[in-house]
Amino acid sequence: MKSKATLEANTIAVIGAGPVGCTLAAFLARGGAKVILCDINPDLVNPALDPGITIEGAENLRQPVSAICTRVDELAPYRPSVIFLTVKASAIPLIASAIESFYQKGQLVVSWQNGIDTEAEIARVLGRMPVLRAVVNYGCGLIQPGRVRLVFHHPPHYLQELAPETRPAARALAETLTRSGLTTEHTDQIVPLVWRKAVMNACMNPVCAVTGQTMQQALEDPIIVQLIDSLLKECIRVARANEIALGWDYYAFARDYMEKAGPHKPSMLMDVEQGRRTEIDFINGKFIEYGRQAGIETPFNTTIRALVKALESRPGS
């Protein structure tokens, strides 16, 4: 496995120039990595090279990346040691197939994404050996290409490998991220950590997408907050029925955490506003899937997913 020094010195690719990807790319570049930012939309990646990515809000910095490209296969000549996926989960199969065309033993591929089982989707194509999963604890929005509003940053972030043989490299990468300013802990409990975050995403993101409200507005609405609470309780039932260890006090923790979100538009609302496909299938869709597996009815998740799907299928979306 690569040493800490090798991981820090080698090229790192970030696929996706949305707010999550731009934030990751800017911090890694500031930390000294050679960062290649890739996105199919040239208007999104061009500012990252000149004048650089601007982060403002909870953290403030401006940092250019080393190079940009608009096709995943254009990353091949750079021979990146680590490839981060920050795109919507629905794009994973296509992107993983593109990576497969130039993948070399020893490269790491990290799901730096929301949703349940995103790492499994990557592993279907590339196998388990190179795949890592992260839980990301910052919220952000794109003000304009290359300019990100970082609404909150609540480290640590978490990282775990799928294959035990990759553990030393995963630990080294966590230290590289930490030195860049994104404090990251290596863990052997990534599945419950993914679910702890996914439950809150399943409660807030689709509700805001359907109502057009920010998180704060939704939580302050006496009617809408009842729907959020019902989704929260239903998701917790599904998790526990599948023996996911959320913790005995998770309900109170989740309510308290969400209430601190403030006037933030979650990514699903921004996707709906801009006519893009959402991640609903990897969030609420997964609770429906795992509920069925455990014999748990999921009427709230089923309904909210249907409403978001209806918004996705509107003419012009």
C-alpha atoms as a PDB file:
ATOM      1  CA  MET A   1       0.000   0.000   0.000  1.00  0.00           C
ATOM      2  CA  LYS A   2       1.047   3.565  -0.570  1.00  0.00           C
ATOM      3  CA  SER A   3       2.578   5.445   2.326  1.00  0.00           C
ATOM      4  CA  LYS A   4       1.168   8.633   3.776  1.00  0.00           C
ATOM      5  CA  ALA A   5       3.803  10.659   1.961  1.00  0.00           C
ATOM      6  CA  THR A   6       3.003   9.036  -1.385  1.00  0.00           C
ATOM      7  CA  LEU A   7      -0.704   9.638  -0.997  1.00  0.00           C
ATOM      8  CA  GLU A   8      -0.129  13.272  -0.113  1.00  0.00           C
ATOM      9  CA  ALA A   9       2.242  13.902  -3.005  1.00  0.00           C
ATOM     10  CA  ASN A  10       0.369  12.123  -5.787  1.00  0.00           C
ATOM     11  CA  THR A  11      -2.360  13.493  -7.987  1.00  0.00           C
ATOM     12  CA  ILE A  12      -5.933  13.451  -6.686  1.00  0.00           C
ATOM     13  CA  ALA A  13      -8.952  13.604  -8.995  1.00  0.00           C
ATOM     14  CA  VAL A  14     -12.318  15.027  -7.943  1.00  0.00           C
ATOM     15  CA  ILE A  15     -15.239  14.124 -10.212  1.00  0.00           C
ATOM     16  CA  GLY A  16     -18.061  16.636  -9.894  1.00  0.00           C
ATOM     17  CA  ALA A  17     -17.705  20.418  -9.760  1.00  0.00           C
ATOM     18  CA  GLY A  18     -20.826  21.090  -7.747  1.00  0.00           C
ATOM     19  CA  PRO A  19     -20.573  22.631  -4.286  1.00  0.00           C
ATOM     20  CA  VAL A  20     -19.447  19.425  -2.542  1.00  0.00           C
ATOM     21  CA  GLY A  21     -16.773  18.666  -5.139  1.00  0.00           C
ATOM     22  CA  CYS A  22     -15.510  22.249  -5.330  1.00  0.00           C
ATOM     23  CA  THR A  23     -15.187  22.401  -1.546  1.00  0.00           C
ATOM     24  CA  LEU A  24     -13.251  19.135  -1.436  1.00  0.00           C
ATOM     25  CA  ALA A  25     -11.012  20.150  -4.358  1.00  0.00           C
ATOM     26  CA  ALA A  26     -10.197  23.550  -2.837  1.00  0.00           C
ATOM     27  CA  PHE A  27      -9.187  22.111   0.537  1.00  0.00           C
ATOM     28  CA  LEU A  28      -7.081  19.335  -0.989  1.00  0.00           C
ATOM     29  CA  ALA A  29      -5.318  21.785  -3.310  1.00  0.00           C
ATOM     30  CA  ARG A  30      -4.657  24.151  -0.415  1.00  0.00           C
ATOM     31  CA  GLY A  31      -3.138  21.207   1.431  1.00  0.00           C
ATOM     32  CA  GLY A  32      -0.580  20.731  -1.334  1.00  0.00           C
ATOM     33  CA  ALA A  33      -2.149  18.007  -3.488  1.00  0.00           C
ATOM     34  CA  LYS A  34      -2.147  18.194  -7.272  1.00  0.00           C
ATOM     35  CA  VAL A  35      -5.907  18.276  -7.841  1.00  0.00           C
ATOM     36  CA  ILE A  36      -7.631  17.564 -11.160  1.00  0.00           C
ATOM     37  CA  LEU A  37     -11.279  18.680 -11.147  1.00  0.00           C
ATOM     38  CA  CYS A  38     -13.544  16.925 -13.648  1.00  0.00           C
ATOM     39  CA  ASP A  39     -17.084  17.776 -14.691  1.00  0.00           C
ATOM     40  CA  ILE A  40     -19.031  17.332 -17.898  1.00  0.00           C
ATOM     41  CA  ASN A  41     -19.996  21.020 -17.775  1.00  0.00           C
ATOM     42  CA  PRO A  42     -17.042  23.233 -18.785  1.00  0.00           C
ATOM     43  CA  ASP A  43     -18.734  26.302 -17.276  1.00  0.00           C
ATOM     44  CA  LEU A  44     -18.482  24.655 -13.854  1.00  0.00           C
ATOM     45  CA  VAL A  45     -14.810  23.656 -14.023  1.00  0.00           C
ATOM     46  CA  ASN A  46     -13.268  26.635 -15.836  1.00  0.00           C
ATOM     47  CA  PRO A  47     -13.327  29.045 -12.843  1.00  0.00           C
ATOM     48  CA  ALA A  48     -11.610  26.411 -10.670  1.00  0.00           C
ATOM     49  CA  LEU A  49      -8.452  26.898 -12.709  1.00  0.00           C
ATOM     50  CA  ASP A  50      -8.598  30.677 -12.948  1.00  0.00           C
ATOM     51  CA  PRO A  51      -9.204  32.550 -10.682  1.00  0.00           C
ATOM     52  CA  GLY A  52      -9.678  29.494  -8.460  1.00  0.00           C
ATOM     53  CA  ILE A  53     -12.409  28.083  -6.238  1.00  0.00           C
ATOM     54  CA  THR A  54     -13.807  30.534  -3.716  1.00  0.00           C
ATOM     55  CA  ILE A  55     -15.226  29.224  -0.438  1.00  0.00           C
ATOM     56  CA  GLU A  56     -17.077  31.612   1.845  1.00  0.00           C
ATOM     57  CA  GLY A  57     -19.148  31.252   4.982  1.00  0.00           C
ATOM     58  CA  ALA A  58     -18.150  28.733   7.645  1.00  0.00           C
ATOM     59  CA  GLU A  59     -14.687  28.642   6.015  1.00  0.00           C
ATOM     60  CA  ASN A  60     -13.106  31.235   3.740  1.00  0.00           C
ATOM     61  CA  LEU A  61     -10.460  30.609   1.091  1.00  0.00           C
ATOM     62  CA  ARG A  62      -9.632  30.935  -2.592  1.00  0.00           C
ATOM     63  CA  GLN A  63      -7.646  28.152  -4.185  1.00  0.00           C
ATOM     64  CA  PRO A  64      -7.018  27.159  -7.810  1.00  0.00           C
ATOM     65  CA  VAL A  65      -6.718  23.505  -8.778  1.00  0.00           C
ATOM     66  CA  SER A  66      -3.867  22.142 -10.897  1.00  0.00           C
ATOM     67  CA  ALA A  67      -5.917  21.087 -13.916  1.00  0.00           C
ATOM     68  CA  ILE A  68      -9.468  20.564 -15.181  1.00  0.00           C
ATOM     69  CA  CYS A  69     -11.167  18.230 -17.637  1.00  0.00           C
ATOM     70  CA  THR A  70     -14.671  17.486 -18.919  1.00  0.00           C
ATOM     71  CA  ARG A  71     -14.485  13.721 -19.451  1.00  0.00           C
ATOM     72  CA  VAL A  72     -13.677  11.032 -16.905  1.00  0.00           C
ATOM     73  CA  ASP A  73     -11.420   9.203 -19.347  1.00  0.00           C
ATOM     74  CA  GLU A  74      -9.334  12.381 -19.672  1.00  0.00           C
ATOM     75  CA  LEU A  75      -8.102  11.660 -16.134  1.00  0.00           C
ATOM     76  CA  ALA A  76      -6.139   8.629 -17.356  1.00  0.00           C
ATOM     77  CA  PRO A  77      -2.901  10.452 -18.332  1.00  0.00           C
ATOM     78  CA  TYR A  78      -2.722  12.061 -14.865  1.00  0.00           C
ATOM     79  CA  ARG A  79      -2.633   8.612 -13.190  1.00  0.00           C
ATOM     80  CA  PRO A  80      -4.455   9.831 -10.045  1.00  0.00           C
ATOM     81  CA  SER A  81      -3.710   7.887  -6.879  1.00  0.00           C
ATOM     82  CA  VAL A  82      -7.142   8.776  -5.488  1.00  0.00           C
ATOM     83  CA  ILE A  83     -10.396   9.496  -7.323  1.00  0.00           C
ATOM     84  CA  PHE A  84     -13.216  11.125  -5.345  1.00  0.00           C
ATOM     85  CA  LEU A  85     -16.789  10.869  -6.619  1.00  0.00           C
ATOM     86  CA  THR A  86     -18.894  13.854  -5.551  1.00  0.00           C
ATOM     87  CA  VAL A  87     -21.589  13.543  -8.230  1.00  0.00           C
ATOM     88  CA  LYS A  88     -25.204  12.493  -7.773  1.00  0.00           C
ATOM     89  CA  ALA A  89     -25.479   8.823  -6.875  1.00  0.00           C
ATOM     90  CA  SER A  90     -27.552   8.104  -9.986  1.00  0.00           C
ATOM     91  CA  ALA A  91     -24.455   8.792 -12.128  1.00  0.00           C
ATOM     92  CA  ILE A  92     -22.270   6.182 -10.398  1.00  0.00           C
ATOM     93  CA  PRO A  93     -22.665   3.277 -12.879  1.00  0.00           C
ATOM     94  CA  LEU A  94     -21.650   5.413 -15.858  1.00  0.00           C
ATOM     95  CA  ILE A  95     -18.715   7.032 -14.060  1.00  0.00           C
ATOM     96  CA  ALA A  96     -17.473   3.778 -12.532  1.00  0.00           C
ATOM     97  CA  SER A  97     -17.460   2.210 -16.006  1.00  0.00           C
ATOM     98  CA  ALA A  98     -15.406   5.125 -17.323  1.00  0.00           C
ATOM     99  CA  ILE A  99     -12.912   4.722 -14.457  1.00  0.00           C
ATOM    100  CA  GLU A 100     -12.688   0.995 -15.155  1.00  0.00           C
ATOM    101  CA  SER A 101     -11.272   1.762 -18.608  1.00  0.00           C
ATOM    102  CA  PHE A 102      -8.049   3.156 -17.083  1.00  0.00           C
ATOM    103  CA  TYR A 103      -8.069   1.834 -13.508  1.00  0.00           C
ATOM    104  CA  GLN A 104      -4.736   0.484 -12.255  1.00  0.00           C
ATOM    105  CA  LYS A 105      -4.077  -1.569  -9.160  1.00  0.00           C
ATOM    106  CA  GLY A 106      -3.391   0.649  -6.154  1.00  0.00           C
ATOM    107  CA  GLN A 107      -5.696   3.502  -7.140  1.00  0.00           C
ATOM    108  CA  LEU A 108      -8.394   4.394  -4.612  1.00  0.00           C
ATOM    109  CA  VAL A 109     -11.952   5.387  -5.521  1.00  0.00           C
ATOM    110  CA  VAL A 110     -13.872   7.230  -2.793  1.00  0.00           C
ATOM    111  CA  SER A 111     -17.628   7.761  -2.575  1.00  0.00           C
ATOM    112  CA  TRP A 112     -17.758  11.279  -1.082  1.00  0.00           C
ATOM    113  CA  GLN A 113     -21.531  11.325  -1.484  1.00  0.00           C
ATOM    114  CA  ASN A 114     -24.909  11.228   0.202  1.00  0.00           C
ATOM    115  CA  GLY A 115     -27.117   8.165   0.151  1.00  0.00           C
ATOM    116  CA  ILE A 116     -27.073   4.518   1.168  1.00  0.00           C
ATOM    117  CA  ASP A 117     -25.062   1.856  -0.707  1.00  0.00           C
ATOM    118  CA  THR A 118     -23.257   4.269  -3.038  1.00  0.00           C
ATOM    119  CA  GLU A 119     -20.009   2.406  -2.330  1.00  0.00           C
ATOM    120  CA  ALA A 120     -21.678  -0.866  -3.301  1.00  0.00           C
ATOM    121  CA  GLU A 121     -22.622   0.618  -6.675  1.00  0.00           C
ATOM    122  CA  ILE A 122     -18.976   1.505  -7.347  1.00  0.00           C
ATOM    123  CA  ALA A 123     -17.827  -1.929  -6.196  1.00  0.00           C
ATOM    124  CA  ARG A 124     -20.223  -3.634  -8.633  1.00  0.00           C
ATOM    125  CA  VAL A 125     -18.006  -2.315 -11.423  1.00  0.00           C
ATOM    126  CA  LEU A 126     -14.531  -2.015  -9.868  1.00  0.00           C
ATOM    127  CA  GLY A 127     -14.645  -4.673  -7.164  1.00  0.00           C
ATOM    128  CA  ARG A 128     -14.275  -4.020  -3.436  1.00  0.00           C
ATOM    129  CA  MET A 129     -10.493  -3.606  -3.289  1.00  0.00           C
ATOM    130  CA  PRO A 130     -10.166   0.046  -4.439  1.00  0.00           C
ATOM    131  CA  VAL A 131     -13.407   1.386  -2.961  1.00  0.00           C
ATOM    132  CA  LEU A 132     -13.735   3.621   0.116  1.00  0.00           C
ATOM    133  CA  ARG A 133     -16.823   5.240   1.599  1.00  0.00           C
ATOM    134  CA  ALA A 134     -16.947   8.603   3.338  1.00  0.00           C
ATOM    135  CA  VAL A 135     -19.506  10.388   5.482  1.00  0.00           C
ATOM    136  CA  VAL A 136     -19.280  14.110   4.809  1.00  0.00           C
ATOM    137  CA  ASN A 137     -20.336  16.620   7.439  1.00  0.00           C
ATOM    138  CA  TYR A 138     -20.507  19.952   5.660  1.00  0.00           C
ATOM    139  CA  GLY A 139     -23.412  21.706   3.966  1.00  0.00           C
ATOM    140  CA  CYS A 140     -22.912  23.987   0.999  1.00  0.00           C
ATOM    141  CA  GLY A 141     -24.467  25.543  -2.058  1.00  0.00           C
ATOM    142  CA  LEU A 142     -23.139  26.864  -5.349  1.00  0.00           C
ATOM    143  CA  ILE A 143     -23.522  30.634  -5.608  1.00  0.00           C
ATOM    144  CA  GLN A 144     -22.056  30.541  -9.101  1.00  0.00           C
ATOM    145  CA  PRO A 145     -19.545  28.258 -10.853  1.00  0.00           C
ATOM    146  CA  GLY A 146     -16.442  27.961  -8.716  1.00  0.00           C
ATOM    147  CA  ARG A 147     -17.947  29.954  -5.851  1.00  0.00           C
ATOM    148  CA  VAL A 148     -19.344  28.036  -2.883  1.00  0.00           C
ATOM    149  CA  ARG A 149     -21.287  29.155   0.152  1.00  0.00           C
ATOM    150  CA  LEU A 150     -20.252  26.811   2.977  1.00  0.00           C
ATOM    151  CA  VAL A 151     -23.239  27.002   5.298  1.00  0.00           C
ATOM    152  CA  PHE A 152     -21.845  24.713   7.981  1.00  0.00           C
ATOM    153  CA  HIS A 153     -18.801  22.542   8.590  1.00  0.00           C
ATOM    154  CA  HIS A 154     -19.124  20.038  11.430  1.00  0.00           C
ATOM    155  CA  PRO A 155     -16.042  17.789  11.364  1.00  0.00           C
ATOM    156  CA  PRO A 156     -14.933  15.111  11.707  1.00  0.00           C
ATOM    157  CA  HIS A 157     -15.726  13.446   8.420  1.00  0.00           C
ATOM    158  CA  TYR A 158     -15.398   9.663   8.310  1.00  0.00           C
ATOM    159  CA  LEU A 159     -13.723   7.225   5.942  1.00  0.00           C
ATOM    160  CA  GLN A 160     -13.590   3.440   5.654  1.00  0.00           C
ATOM    161  CA  GLU A 161     -12.374   0.920   3.098  1.00  0.00           C
ATOM    162  CA  LEU A 162     -14.481  -1.958   1.769  1.00  0.00           C
ATOM    163  CA  ALA A 163     -11.560  -4.418   1.630  1.00  0.00           C
ATOM    164  CA  PRO A 164      -9.326  -5.013   4.690  1.00  0.00           C
ATOM    165  CA  GLU A 165      -6.236  -4.972   2.466  1.00  0.00           C
ATOM    166  CA  THR A 166      -6.887  -1.294   1.700  1.00  0.00           C
ATOM    167  CA  ARG A 167      -6.991  -0.235   5.368  1.00  0.00           C
ATOM    168  CA  PRO A 168      -3.463   1.265   5.552  1.00  0.00           C
ATOM    169  CA  ALA A 169      -4.128   3.410   2.474  1.00  0.00           C
ATOM    170  CA  ALA A 170      -7.507   4.488   3.855  1.00  0.00           C
ATOM    171  CA  ARG A 171      -5.909   5.590   7.122  1.00  0.00           C
ATOM    172  CA  ALA A 172      -3.254   7.509   5.206  1.00  0.00           C
ATOM    173  CA  LEU A 173      -5.898   9.234   3.094  1.00  0.00           C
ATOM    174  CA  ALA A 174      -7.828  10.241   6.228  1.00  0.00           C
ATOM    175  CA  GLU A 175      -4.649  11.901   7.515  1.00  0.00           C
ATOM    176  CA  THR A 176      -4.129  13.655   4.166  1.00  0.00           C
ATOM    177  CA  LEU A 177      -7.672  15.042   4.323  1.00  0.00           C
ATOM    178  CA  THR A 178      -7.131  16.143   7.910  1.00  0.00           C
ATOM    179  CA  ARG A 179      -3.955  18.012   7.023  1.00  0.00           C
ATOM    180  CA  SER A 180      -5.826  19.781   4.235  1.00  0.00           C
ATOM    181  CA  GLY A 181      -8.335  21.199   6.741  1.00  0.00           C
ATOM    182  CA  LEU A 182     -11.071  18.564   6.341  1.00  0.00           C
ATOM    183  CA  THR A 183     -10.597  16.720   9.634  1.00  0.00           C
ATOM    184  CA  THR A 184     -11.318  13.073   8.829  1.00  0.00           C
ATOM    185  CA  GLU A 185     -11.293   9.981  11.020  1.00  0.00           C
ATOM    186  CA  HIS A 186     -10.740   6.458   9.795  1.00  0.00           C
ATOM    187  CA  THR A 187     -13.505   4.221  11.146  1.00  0.00           C
ATOM    188  CA  ASP A 188     -14.683   0.626  11.124  1.00  0.00           C
ATOM    189  CA  GLN A 189     -18.299   1.726  11.664  1.00  0.00           C
ATOM    190  CA  ILE A 190     -19.056   3.440   8.366  1.00  0.00           C
ATOM    191  CA  VAL A 191     -22.396   1.685   7.787  1.00  0.00           C
ATOM    192  CA  PRO A 192     -24.135   3.027  10.927  1.00  0.00           C
ATOM    193  CA  LEU A 193     -22.543   6.431  10.303  1.00  0.00           C
ATOM    194  CA  VAL A 194     -23.908   6.447   6.748  1.00  0.00           C
ATOM    195  CA  TRP A 195     -27.356   5.525   8.028  1.00  0.00           C
ATOM    196  CA  ARG A 196     -27.293   8.121  10.811  1.00  0.00           C
ATOM    197  CA  LYS A 197     -26.796  10.802   8.194  1.00  0.00           C
ATOM    198  CA  ALA A 198     -29.123   9.215   5.630  1.00  0.00           C
ATOM    199  CA  VAL A 199     -32.026   9.192   8.087  1.00  0.00           C
ATOM    200  CA  MET A 200     -31.773  12.965   8.497  1.00  0.00           C
ATOM    201  CA  ASN A 201     -31.384  13.464   4.758  1.00  0.00           C
ATOM    202  CA  ALA A 202     -34.490  11.344   4.159  1.00  0.00           C
ATOM    203  CA  CYS A 203     -36.470  13.523   6.574  1.00  0.00           C
ATOM    204  CA  MET A 204     -35.344  16.956   5.383  1.00  0.00           C
ATOM    205  CA  ASN A 205     -34.227  16.834   1.743  1.00  0.00           C
ATOM    206  CA  PRO A 206     -37.405  15.559   0.044  1.00  0.00           C
ATOM    207  CA  VAL A 207     -39.704  17.603   2.274  1.00  0.00           C
ATOM    208  CA  CYS A 208     -37.834  20.782   1.344  1.00  0.00           C
ATOM    209  CA  ALA A 209     -37.807  19.703  -2.313  1.00  0.00           C
ATOM    210  CA  VAL A 210     -41.581  19.260  -2.364  1.00  0.00           C
ATOM    211  CA  THR A 211     -42.486  22.356  -0.319  1.00  0.00           C
ATOM    212  CA  GLY A 212     -39.807  24.724  -1.624  1.00  0.00           C
ATOM    213  CA  GLN A 213     -38.858  25.590   1.950  1.00  0.00           C
ATOM    214  CA  THR A 214     -35.446  25.882   3.548  1.00  0.00           C
ATOM    215  CA  MET A 215     -34.669  23.525   6.417  1.00  0.00           C
ATOM    216  CA  GLN A 216     -35.393  26.224   8.963  1.00  0.00           C
ATOM    217  CA  GLN A 217     -38.722  27.130   7.359  1.00  0.00           C
ATOM    218  CA  ALA A 218     -39.809  23.488   7.235  1.00  0.00           C
ATOM    219  CA  LEU A 219     -38.942  22.893  10.868  1.00  0.00           C
ATOM    220  CA  GLU A 220     -40.755  26.048  11.969  1.00  0.00           C
ATOM    221  CA  ASP A 221     -43.922  25.135  10.063  1.00  0.00           C
ATOM    222  CA  PRO A 222     -46.263  23.400  12.566  1.00  0.00           C
ATOM    223  CA  ILE A 223     -47.770  21.167   9.870  1.00  0.00           C
ATOM    224  CA  ILE A 224     -44.644  20.300   7.901  1.00  0.00           C
ATOM    225  CA  VAL A 225     -42.649  19.492  11.035  1.00  0.00           C
ATOM    226  CA  GLN A 226     -45.138  16.680  11.758  1.00  0.00           C
ATOM    227  CA  LEU A 227     -44.290  15.113   8.406  1.00  0.00           C
ATOM    228  CA  ILE A 228     -40.577  15.425   9.153  1.00  0.00           C
ATOM    229  CA  ASP A 229     -41.105  13.747  12.513  1.00  0.00           C
ATOM    230  CA  SER A 230     -43.113  10.908  10.963  1.00  0.00           C
ATOM    231  CA  LEU A 231     -40.396  10.300   8.373  1.00  0.00           C
ATOM    232  CA  LEU A 232     -37.770  10.338  11.125  1.00  0.00           C
ATOM    233  CA  LYS A 233     -39.587   7.714  13.188  1.00  0.00           C
ATOM    234  CA  GLU A 234     -40.276   5.533  10.142  1.00  0.00           C
ATOM    235  CA  CYS A 235     -36.620   5.623   9.025  1.00  0.00           C
ATOM    236  CA  ILE A 236     -35.454   4.732  12.532  1.00  0.00           C
ATOM    237  CA  ARG A 237     -37.822   1.730  12.558  1.00  0.00           C
ATOM    238  CA  VAL A 238     -36.399   0.533   9.239  1.00  0.00           C
ATOM    239  CA  ALA A 239     -32.809   0.958  10.412  1.00  0.00           C
ATOM    240  CA  ARG A 240     -33.384  -0.923  13.647  1.00  0.00           C
ATOM    241  CA  ALA A 241     -35.290  -3.694  11.878  1.00  0.00           C
ATOM    242  CA  ASN A 242     -32.182  -4.176   9.736  1.00  0.00           C
ATOM    243  CA  GLU A 243     -29.943  -4.193  12.845  1.00  0.00           C
ATOM    244  CA  ILE A 244     -28.279  -0.879  12.007  1.00  0.00           C
ATOM    245  CA  ALA A 245     -26.881   0.537  15.250  1.00  0.00           C
ATOM    246  CA  LEU A 246     -28.057   4.150  15.301  1.00  0.00           C
ATOM    247  CA  GLY A 247     -27.765   4.447  19.082  1.00  0.00           C
ATOM    248  CA  TRP A 248     -30.453   4.495  21.739  1.00  0.00           C
ATOM    249  CA  ASP A 249     -30.612   8.312  21.800  1.00  0.00           C
ATOM    250  CA  TYR A 250     -30.574   8.829  18.030  1.00  0.00           C
ATOM    251  CA  TYR A 251     -34.093  10.271  17.776  1.00  0.00           C
ATOM    252  CA  ALA A 252     -33.275  13.143  20.160  1.00  0.00           C
ATOM    253  CA  PHE A 253     -29.880  13.635  18.502  1.00  0.00           C
ATOM    254  CA  ALA A 254     -31.416  13.863  15.024  1.00  0.00           C
ATOM    255  CA  ARG A 255     -34.088  16.359  16.072  1.00  0.00           C
ATOM    256  CA  ASP A 256     -31.481  18.554  17.754  1.00  0.00           C
ATOM    257  CA  TYR A 257     -29.043  18.321  14.820  1.00  0.00           C
ATOM    258  CA  MET A 258     -31.660  19.208  12.205  1.00  0.00           C
ATOM    259  CA  GLU A 259     -32.920  22.177  14.180  1.00  0.00           C
ATOM    260  CA  LYS A 260     -29.436  23.722  13.943  1.00  0.00           C
ATOM    261  CA  ALA A 261     -29.372  23.571  10.122  1.00  0.00           C
ATOM    262  CA  GLY A 262     -30.629  27.127   9.679  1.00  0.00           C
ATOM    263  CA  PRO A 263     -31.903  28.725   6.433  1.00  0.00           C
ATOM    264  CA  HIS A 264     -30.153  26.183   4.207  1.00  0.00           C
ATOM    265  CA  LYS A 265     -31.533  24.837   0.940  1.00  0.00           C
ATOM    266  CA  PRO A 266     -30.662  21.126   0.751  1.00  0.00           C
ATOM    267  CA  SER A 267     -29.285  19.807  -2.514  1.00  0.00           C
ATOM    268  CA  MET A 268     -32.509  18.026  -3.442  1.00  0.00           C
ATOM    269  CA  LEU A 269     -34.437  21.292  -3.405  1.00  0.00           C
ATOM    270  CA  MET A 270     -31.785  22.919  -5.597  1.00  0.00           C
ATOM    271  CA  ASP A 271     -31.949  19.957  -7.978  1.00  0.00           C
ATOM    272  CA  VAL A 272     -35.721  20.324  -8.314  1.00  0.00           C
ATOM    273  CA  GLU A 273     -35.454  24.084  -8.829  1.00  0.00           C
ATOM    274  CA  GLN A 274     -32.905  23.564 -11.606  1.00  0.00           C
ATOM    275  CA  GLY A 275     -34.689  20.682 -13.290  1.00  0.00           C
ATOM    276  CA  ARG A 276     -32.064  18.068 -12.410  1.00  0.00           C
ATOM    277  CA  ARG A 277     -32.520  14.460 -11.397  1.00  0.00           C
ATOM    278  CA  THR A 278     -32.389  14.000  -7.614  1.00  0.00           C
ATOM    279  CA  GLU A 279     -30.843  11.354  -5.346  1.00  0.00           C
ATOM    280  CA  ILE A 280     -34.230  10.269  -4.007  1.00  0.00           C
ATOM    281  CA  ASP A 281     -33.673   6.606  -4.982  1.00  0.00           C
ATOM    282  CA  PHE A 282     -30.486   6.395  -2.904  1.00  0.00           C
ATOM    283  CA  ILE A 283     -32.081   8.118   0.092  1.00  0.00           C
ATOM    284  CA  ASN A 284     -35.806   7.482   0.642  1.00  0.00           C
ATOM    285  CA  GLY A 285     -35.804   4.747  -1.995  1.00  0.00           C
ATOM    286  CA  LYS A 286     -33.306   2.808   0.109  1.00  0.00           C
ATOM    287  CA  PHE A 287     -35.507   3.048   3.200  1.00  0.00           C
ATOM    288  CA  ILE A 288     -38.367   1.624   1.144  1.00  0.00           C
ATOM    289  CA  GLU A 289     -36.097  -1.177  -0.122  1.00  0.00           C
ATOM    290  CA  TYR A 290     -34.710  -2.047   3.305  1.00  0.00           C
ATOM    291  CA  GLY A 291     -38.161  -1.718   4.850  1.00  0.00           C
ATOM    292  CA  ARG A 292     -39.497  -4.300   2.414  1.00  0.00           C
ATOM    293  CA  GLN A 293     -36.536  -6.546   3.241  1.00  0.00           C
ATOM    294  CA  ALA A 294     -37.383  -6.413   6.957  1.00  0.00           C
ATOM    295  CA  GLY A 295     -41.167  -6.550   6.554  1.00  0.00           C
ATOM    296  CA  ILE A 296     -41.643  -2.898   7.625  1.00  0.00           C
ATOM    297  CA  GLU A 297     -44.274  -0.726   5.930  1.00  0.00           C
ATOM    298  CA  THR A 298     -42.923   2.630   4.755  1.00  0.00           C
ATOM    299  CA  PRO A 299     -45.929   4.783   3.772  1.00  0.00           C
ATOM    300  CA  PHE A 300     -44.247   8.135   4.482  1.00  0.00           C
ATOM    301  CA  ASN A 301     -41.105   7.320   2.502  1.00  0.00           C
ATOM    302  CA  THR A 302     -43.168   5.831  -0.316  1.00  0.00           C
ATOM    303  CA  THR A 303     -45.346   8.933  -0.554  1.00  0.00           C
ATOM    304  CA  ILE A 304     -42.542  11.487  -0.394  1.00  0.00           C
ATOM    305  CA  ARG A 305     -40.510   9.588  -3.002  1.00  0.00           C
ATOM    306  CA  ALA A 306     -43.518   9.554  -5.330  1.00  0.00           C
ATOM    307  CA  LEU A 307     -43.966  13.322  -4.921  1.00  0.00           C
ATOM    308  CA  VAL A 308     -40.300  14.026  -5.687  1.00  0.00           C
ATOM    309  CA  LYS A 309     -40.446  11.695  -8.698  1.00  0.00           C
ATOM    310  CA  ALA A 310     -43.460  13.634  -9.942  1.00  0.00           C
ATOM    311  CA  LEU A 311     -41.474  16.866  -9.708  1.00  0.00           C
ATOM    312  CA  GLU A 312     -38.591  15.250 -11.623  1.00  0.00           C
ATOM    313  CA  SER A 313     -40.888  14.207 -14.459  1.00  0.00           C
ATOM    314  CA  ARG A 314     -42.453  17.637 -15.025  1.00  0.00           C
ATOM    315  CA  PRO A 315     -42.038  19.023 -18.544  1.00  0.00           C
ATOM    316  CA  GLY A 316     -38.756  20.902 -18.740  1.00  0.00           C
ATOM    317  CA  SER A 317     -37.223  18.972 -15.839  1.00  0.00           C
END
